Amino acid sequence: MCALSASALCKTAVIFPLGEIGILPKANGILSVDELAAYNKYENLLIALCNAHMLRELKGIVENYKDQSWAKTMIRLLRRINRAV
């Protein structure tokens, strides 16, 4: 099973939307994306929220909901996992 990102970065730093060039309909595996609902149509892919997007969401929870201490724990866990891989 391979992991894909919703955009591919080439040597000239141009981003190619993989769905528009026909790659996503043919792919299978895990797709790491933002929260755009359009990715849900690819039933052949397992959708995973990008860790950068997840961290932004968690930081927003920490800043706006002081009683949600679990969010700080989750941030530390995601950063720890990222360093390990």
N, C-alpha and C. Protein backbone atom coordinates (compact mmCIF):
# COMPACT_ATOMS: atom_id res chain seq x y z
N MET A 1 0.85 -1.18 0.00
CA MET A 1 0.00 0.00 0.00
C MET A 1 0.90 1.24 0.00
N CYS A 2 0.67 2.13 -0.90
CA CYS A 2 1.48 3.33 -0.97
C CYS A 2 0.74 4.50 -0.35
N ALA A 3 1.48 5.54 -0.03
CA ALA A 3 0.86 6.76 0.50
C ALA A 3 1.04 7.87 -0.53
N LEU A 4 0.00 8.60 -0.80
CA LEU A 4 0.04 9.70 -1.76
C LEU A 4 -0.34 10.99 -1.05
N SER A 5 0.08 12.09 -1.62
CA SER A 5 -0.41 13.39 -1.17
C SER A 5 -1.30 13.92 -2.28
N ALA A 6 -2.24 14.78 -1.93
CA ALA A 6 -3.19 15.28 -2.92
C ALA A 6 -2.52 16.15 -3.97
N SER A 7 -1.32 16.59 -3.74
CA SER A 7 -0.55 17.36 -4.72
C SER A 7 0.84 16.77 -4.83
N ALA A 8 1.42 16.84 -6.00
CA ALA A 8 2.78 16.36 -6.20
C ALA A 8 3.68 17.55 -6.49
N LEU A 9 4.83 17.60 -5.87
CA LEU A 9 5.75 18.72 -6.05
C LEU A 9 6.85 18.28 -7.02
N CYS A 10 7.01 18.99 -8.11
CA CYS A 10 8.05 18.64 -9.06
C CYS A 10 9.30 19.48 -8.81
N LYS A 11 10.35 19.26 -9.59
CA LYS A 11 11.61 19.97 -9.38
C LYS A 11 11.50 21.48 -9.55
N THR A 12 10.54 21.93 -10.31
CA THR A 12 10.38 23.37 -10.52
C THR A 12 9.37 23.99 -9.55
N ALA A 13 8.99 23.24 -8.52
CA ALA A 13 8.09 23.70 -7.46
C ALA A 13 6.71 24.08 -7.97
N VAL A 14 6.26 23.38 -9.00
CA VAL A 14 4.90 23.57 -9.49
C VAL A 14 4.05 22.46 -8.89
N ILE A 15 2.87 22.81 -8.42
CA ILE A 15 2.00 21.80 -7.81
C ILE A 15 1.00 21.31 -8.85
N PHE A 16 0.92 19.99 -9.01
CA PHE A 16 -0.01 19.37 -9.94
C PHE A 16 -1.14 18.71 -9.15
N PRO A 17 -2.38 19.14 -9.31
CA PRO A 17 -3.48 18.43 -8.65
C PRO A 17 -3.64 17.04 -9.25
N LEU A 18 -3.39 16.02 -8.47
CA LEU A 18 -3.37 14.66 -8.98
C LEU A 18 -4.72 14.19 -9.52
N GLY A 19 -5.82 14.70 -8.97
CA GLY A 19 -7.14 14.32 -9.48
C GLY A 19 -7.37 14.81 -10.89
N GLU A 20 -6.91 16.03 -11.17
CA GLU A 20 -7.14 16.63 -12.49
C GLU A 20 -6.33 15.97 -13.59
N ILE A 21 -5.20 15.36 -13.25
CA ILE A 21 -4.40 14.72 -14.30
C ILE A 21 -4.63 13.20 -14.34
N GLY A 22 -5.69 12.74 -13.65
CA GLY A 22 -6.11 11.36 -13.77
C GLY A 22 -5.40 10.34 -12.91
N ILE A 23 -4.59 10.77 -11.96
CA ILE A 23 -3.86 9.80 -11.13
C ILE A 23 -4.73 9.23 -10.02
N LEU A 24 -5.49 10.07 -9.32
CA LEU A 24 -6.26 9.59 -8.18
C LEU A 24 -7.31 8.54 -8.52
N PRO A 25 -8.03 8.68 -9.63
CA PRO A 25 -9.02 7.64 -9.93
C PRO A 25 -8.40 6.25 -10.13
N LYS A 26 -7.14 6.18 -10.48
CA LYS A 26 -6.46 4.91 -10.74
C LYS A 26 -5.66 4.41 -9.55
N ALA A 27 -5.42 5.26 -8.57
CA ALA A 27 -4.56 4.92 -7.44
C ALA A 27 -5.32 4.11 -6.39
N ASN A 28 -4.56 3.41 -5.57
CA ASN A 28 -5.13 2.79 -4.39
C ASN A 28 -4.10 2.91 -3.28
N GLY A 29 -4.56 2.92 -2.05
CA GLY A 29 -3.67 3.09 -0.91
C GLY A 29 -4.21 4.17 0.00
N ILE A 30 -3.31 4.96 0.57
CA ILE A 30 -3.67 6.00 1.53
C ILE A 30 -3.43 7.36 0.89
N LEU A 31 -4.41 8.25 1.00
CA LEU A 31 -4.29 9.60 0.47
C LEU A 31 -4.27 10.57 1.65
N SER A 32 -3.18 11.29 1.83
CA SER A 32 -3.05 12.27 2.91
C SER A 32 -3.49 13.62 2.36
N VAL A 33 -4.55 14.20 2.96
CA VAL A 33 -5.18 15.40 2.40
C VAL A 33 -5.53 16.40 3.49
N ASP A 34 -5.99 17.57 3.03
CA ASP A 34 -6.62 18.53 3.93
C ASP A 34 -8.07 18.08 4.10
N GLU A 35 -8.93 18.92 4.60
CA GLU A 35 -10.31 18.50 4.88
C GLU A 35 -11.29 18.75 3.73
N LEU A 36 -10.78 18.97 2.55
CA LEU A 36 -11.65 19.21 1.39
C LEU A 36 -12.48 17.96 1.09
N ALA A 37 -13.79 18.11 1.10
CA ALA A 37 -14.70 16.98 0.92
C ALA A 37 -14.59 16.32 -0.46
N ALA A 38 -14.04 17.02 -1.44
CA ALA A 38 -13.95 16.47 -2.80
C ALA A 38 -13.13 15.19 -2.85
N TYR A 39 -12.22 14.99 -1.91
CA TYR A 39 -11.39 13.77 -1.91
C TYR A 39 -12.20 12.53 -1.53
N ASN A 40 -13.34 12.72 -0.89
CA ASN A 40 -14.14 11.59 -0.44
C ASN A 40 -14.71 10.76 -1.59
N LYS A 41 -14.71 11.30 -2.79
CA LYS A 41 -15.28 10.56 -3.92
C LYS A 41 -14.38 9.42 -4.39
N TYR A 42 -13.12 9.40 -3.95
CA TYR A 42 -12.19 8.36 -4.36
C TYR A 42 -12.31 7.17 -3.42
N GLU A 43 -13.27 6.29 -3.72
CA GLU A 43 -13.57 5.16 -2.85
C GLU A 43 -12.44 4.13 -2.82
N ASN A 44 -11.55 4.19 -3.79
CA ASN A 44 -10.43 3.26 -3.85
C ASN A 44 -9.29 3.66 -2.91
N LEU A 45 -9.40 4.81 -2.27
CA LEU A 45 -8.35 5.32 -1.40
C LEU A 45 -8.82 5.45 0.04
N LEU A 46 -7.91 5.18 0.97
CA LEU A 46 -8.17 5.45 2.37
C LEU A 46 -7.74 6.89 2.63
N ILE A 47 -8.65 7.72 3.12
CA ILE A 47 -8.37 9.13 3.31
C ILE A 47 -7.79 9.36 4.71
N ALA A 48 -6.65 10.03 4.78
CA ALA A 48 -6.00 10.37 6.04
C ALA A 48 -5.78 11.88 6.09
N LEU A 49 -6.07 12.49 7.21
CA LEU A 49 -5.85 13.93 7.36
C LEU A 49 -4.36 14.20 7.49
N CYS A 50 -3.87 15.12 6.70
CA CYS A 50 -2.47 15.53 6.72
C CYS A 50 -2.08 15.98 8.13
N ASN A 51 -0.93 15.56 8.62
CA ASN A 51 -0.50 15.93 9.97
C ASN A 51 -0.32 17.43 10.14
N ALA A 52 0.12 18.13 9.12
CA ALA A 52 0.26 19.59 9.23
C ALA A 52 -1.10 20.24 9.45
N HIS A 53 -2.11 19.75 8.75
CA HIS A 53 -3.46 20.26 8.94
C HIS A 53 -4.00 19.88 10.32
N MET A 54 -3.71 18.65 10.74
CA MET A 54 -4.14 18.21 12.07
C MET A 54 -3.51 19.08 13.16
N LEU A 55 -2.22 19.38 13.03
CA LEU A 55 -1.55 20.23 14.02
C LEU A 55 -2.17 21.62 14.08
N ARG A 56 -2.51 22.17 12.92
CA ARG A 56 -3.16 23.49 12.91
C ARG A 56 -4.50 23.45 13.63
N GLU A 57 -5.27 22.41 13.38
CA GLU A 57 -6.57 22.26 14.05
C GLU A 57 -6.38 22.14 15.56
N LEU A 58 -5.41 21.33 15.97
CA LEU A 58 -5.16 21.14 17.40
C LEU A 58 -4.68 22.43 18.06
N LYS A 59 -3.82 23.19 17.37
CA LYS A 59 -3.37 24.48 17.92
C LYS A 59 -4.55 25.42 18.11
N GLY A 60 -5.48 25.39 17.18
CA GLY A 60 -6.67 26.21 17.29
C GLY A 60 -7.51 25.82 18.51
N ILE A 61 -7.59 24.53 18.77
CA ILE A 61 -8.32 24.06 19.95
C ILE A 61 -7.63 24.53 21.22
N VAL A 62 -6.30 24.40 21.26
CA VAL A 62 -5.53 24.82 22.44
C VAL A 62 -5.73 26.31 22.70
N GLU A 63 -5.68 27.12 21.64
CA GLU A 63 -5.79 28.57 21.79
C GLU A 63 -7.21 29.02 22.15
N ASN A 64 -8.21 28.34 21.66
CA ASN A 64 -9.60 28.80 21.82
C ASN A 64 -10.40 28.08 22.90
N TYR A 65 -9.94 26.92 23.30
CA TYR A 65 -10.66 26.13 24.30
C TYR A 65 -9.69 25.67 25.37
N LYS A 66 -9.40 26.52 26.32
CA LYS A 66 -8.38 26.28 27.34
C LYS A 66 -8.64 25.02 28.16
N ASP A 67 -9.87 24.58 28.26
CA ASP A 67 -10.19 23.41 29.06
C ASP A 67 -9.96 22.08 28.32
N GLN A 68 -9.53 22.14 27.08
CA GLN A 68 -9.31 20.93 26.28
C GLN A 68 -7.83 20.52 26.32
N SER A 69 -7.38 20.03 27.45
CA SER A 69 -5.97 19.69 27.64
C SER A 69 -5.51 18.53 26.76
N TRP A 70 -6.44 17.70 26.32
CA TRP A 70 -6.08 16.57 25.47
C TRP A 70 -5.42 17.03 24.18
N ALA A 71 -5.76 18.24 23.71
CA ALA A 71 -5.22 18.73 22.43
C ALA A 71 -3.70 18.94 22.53
N LYS A 72 -3.22 19.44 23.67
CA LYS A 72 -1.77 19.61 23.85
C LYS A 72 -1.08 18.25 23.85
N THR A 73 -1.70 17.28 24.48
CA THR A 73 -1.14 15.92 24.51
C THR A 73 -1.06 15.35 23.10
N MET A 74 -2.09 15.58 22.31
CA MET A 74 -2.11 15.09 20.93
C MET A 74 -1.03 15.77 20.08
N ILE A 75 -0.82 17.07 20.28
CA ILE A 75 0.23 17.79 19.55
C ILE A 75 1.59 17.17 19.86
N ARG A 76 1.86 16.94 21.14
CA ARG A 76 3.14 16.32 21.53
C ARG A 76 3.29 14.94 20.91
N LEU A 77 2.21 14.17 20.91
CA LEU A 77 2.26 12.83 20.33
C LEU A 77 2.54 12.86 18.83
N LEU A 78 1.84 13.72 18.09
CA LEU A 78 2.07 13.82 16.63
C LEU A 78 3.50 14.26 16.33
N ARG A 79 4.02 15.20 17.09
CA ARG A 79 5.41 15.64 16.88
C ARG A 79 6.40 14.53 17.19
N ARG A 80 6.12 13.78 18.22
CA ARG A 80 6.99 12.65 18.60
C ARG A 80 6.98 11.59 17.51
N ILE A 81 5.80 11.27 17.01
CA ILE A 81 5.69 10.29 15.92
C ILE A 81 6.43 10.77 14.68
N ASN A 82 6.27 12.07 14.37
CA ASN A 82 6.93 12.63 13.19
C ASN A 82 8.46 12.52 13.29
N ARG A 83 9.00 12.75 14.48
CA ARG A 83 10.45 12.64 14.66
C ARG A 83 10.91 11.20 14.52
N ALA A 84 10.05 10.26 14.90
CA ALA A 84 10.44 8.85 14.88
C ALA A 84 10.47 8.24 13.47
N VAL A 85 9.73 8.86 12.54
CA VAL A 85 9.68 8.26 11.19
C VAL A 85 10.48 8.99 10.19
